[in-house]
Protein backbone atom coordinates (compact mmCIF):
# COMPACT_ATOMS: atom_id res chain seq x y z
CA ARG A 1 39.78 -2.17 -8.57
CA ALA A 2 43.24 -0.75 -7.50
CA LYS A 3 41.48 2.30 -6.21
CA ALA A 4 38.68 0.40 -4.36
CA PHE A 5 41.40 -1.94 -2.64
CA SER A 6 43.49 0.61 -1.67
CA ARG A 7 40.69 2.52 -0.03
CA SER A 8 39.25 -0.56 1.77
CA ARG A 9 42.68 -1.19 3.27
CA SER A 10 42.86 2.27 4.59
CA GLY A 11 39.60 1.79 6.16
CA GLY A 12 37.47 3.30 3.40
CA PRO A 13 34.55 1.85 1.52
CA TRP A 14 34.87 -1.13 -0.74
CA LEU A 15 32.90 0.41 -3.55
CA ALA A 16 33.82 3.52 -5.36
CA CYS A 17 32.87 5.05 -8.70
CA SER A 18 35.18 3.62 -11.47
CA SER A 19 35.44 7.19 -13.12
CA CYS A 20 35.58 9.78 -10.61
CA GLY A 21 36.28 7.70 -7.19
CA ALA A 22 33.21 8.88 -5.33
CA SER A 23 31.99 6.52 -2.64
CA GLY A 24 28.89 6.74 -0.25
CA VAL A 25 26.73 7.45 -3.37
CA PRO A 26 24.48 5.08 -5.10
CA LEU A 27 26.32 3.30 -7.75
CA ARG A 28 25.17 1.19 -10.74
CA ARG A 29 27.28 -1.72 -12.18
CA CYS A 30 27.54 -2.72 -15.98
CA PRO A 31 25.72 -6.02 -16.40
CA LEU A 32 27.85 -7.04 -19.31
CA THR A 33 31.17 -6.69 -17.81
CA ARG A 34 30.34 -6.61 -14.02
CA GLU A 35 33.44 -4.70 -13.36
CA LEU A 36 32.55 -1.07 -14.09
CA LEU A 37 30.80 0.99 -11.39
CA LEU A 38 29.53 4.40 -12.00
CA CYS A 39 27.62 6.98 -9.97
CA SER A 40 26.11 9.49 -12.51
CA GLU A 41 25.62 10.22 -16.17
CA ALA A 42 28.67 12.44 -16.24
CA CYS A 43 30.87 9.47 -15.08
CA TYR A 44 29.10 7.26 -17.64
CA CYS A 45 30.02 9.74 -20.56
CA ALA A 46 33.58 10.19 -19.15
CA SER A 47 34.04 6.55 -19.05
CA ALA A 48 33.04 5.64 -22.74
CA ASP A 49 36.56 4.70 -23.92
CA ALA A 50 37.46 2.89 -20.99
CA HIS A 51 33.89 0.79 -20.90
CA PHE A 52 34.30 0.23 -24.82
CA ALA A 53 37.71 -1.19 -24.10
CA LEU A 54 36.49 -3.48 -21.35
CA LEU A 55 33.58 -4.61 -23.42
CA ARG A 56 36.14 -5.65 -26.24
CA VAL A 57 38.06 -7.62 -23.71
CA CYS A 58 34.92 -9.40 -22.48
CA PHE A 59 33.66 -10.27 -25.87
CA CYS A 60 37.11 -11.56 -27.14
CA GLY A 61 37.95 -8.47 -29.43
CA CYS A 62 34.58 -8.30 -30.89
CA THR A 63 33.65 -4.55 -32.22
CA VAL A 64 31.15 -3.23 -29.72
CA SER A 65 29.27 -0.13 -31.38
CA GLN A 66 27.11 1.00 -28.40
CA ARG A 67 26.77 0.63 -24.56
CA LEU A 68 23.65 -0.29 -22.55
CA PRO A 69 22.33 3.17 -21.20
CA LEU A 70 23.21 3.57 -17.47
CA SER A 71 19.42 3.26 -16.53
CA GLN A 72 19.61 -0.45 -17.45
CA TRP A 73 22.76 -0.87 -15.39
CA GLU A 74 22.42 -3.03 -12.01
CA ASP A 75 21.71 -1.07 -8.68
CA CYS A 76 24.53 -1.81 -6.40
CA ALA A 77 22.68 -0.49 -3.22
CA TYR A 78 22.70 -4.06 -1.62
CA ARG A 79 26.33 -4.50 -2.23
CA GLU A 80 27.02 -1.17 -0.47
CA ARG A 81 25.25 -2.60 2.56
CA HIS A 82 26.62 -6.04 2.45
CA THR A 83 23.18 -7.47 2.33
CA ALA A 84 20.73 -8.69 -0.48
CA GLY A 85 17.20 -8.57 -0.82
CA SER A 86 14.67 -11.21 -2.09
CA ALA A 87 14.66 -9.85 -5.48
CA GLN A 88 18.52 -9.98 -5.79
CA TRP A 89 18.33 -13.63 -4.50
CA GLU A 90 15.59 -14.73 -6.90
CA ALA A 91 17.86 -13.29 -10.01
CA LEU A 92 20.72 -15.00 -8.43
CA ALA A 93 18.94 -18.39 -8.48
CA VAL A 94 17.46 -17.77 -12.01
CA ALA A 95 21.01 -16.92 -13.33
CA THR A 96 22.74 -19.93 -11.68
CA PRO A 97 20.07 -22.84 -11.56
CA GLN A 98 21.13 -25.57 -9.36
CA PRO A 99 19.65 -29.27 -9.31
CA GLU A 100 17.26 -29.89 -6.70
CA MET A 101 18.61 -31.25 -3.19
CA VAL A 102 16.98 -34.38 -1.84
């Protein structure tokens, strides 16, 4: 977050790879932690220790033996463009059900 925040204040992009700092490339976000953004398999491999530590924090210290493959991570393309498509809005509606408004 510190990398992304410092870039945004200096006029750079908000989203950058958590491992290598690359921006302007397709990013994927871990659906379990919702914190880690990665751009490639190389960064996925390089971030293993940090990702396991983050997963332990998210799961209250439980031991985590494996990570979801990068192919199952969420695409961040709509976050990079600051727009969401109908599929993202539907996923959000399913994830956060609201009582019907009358």
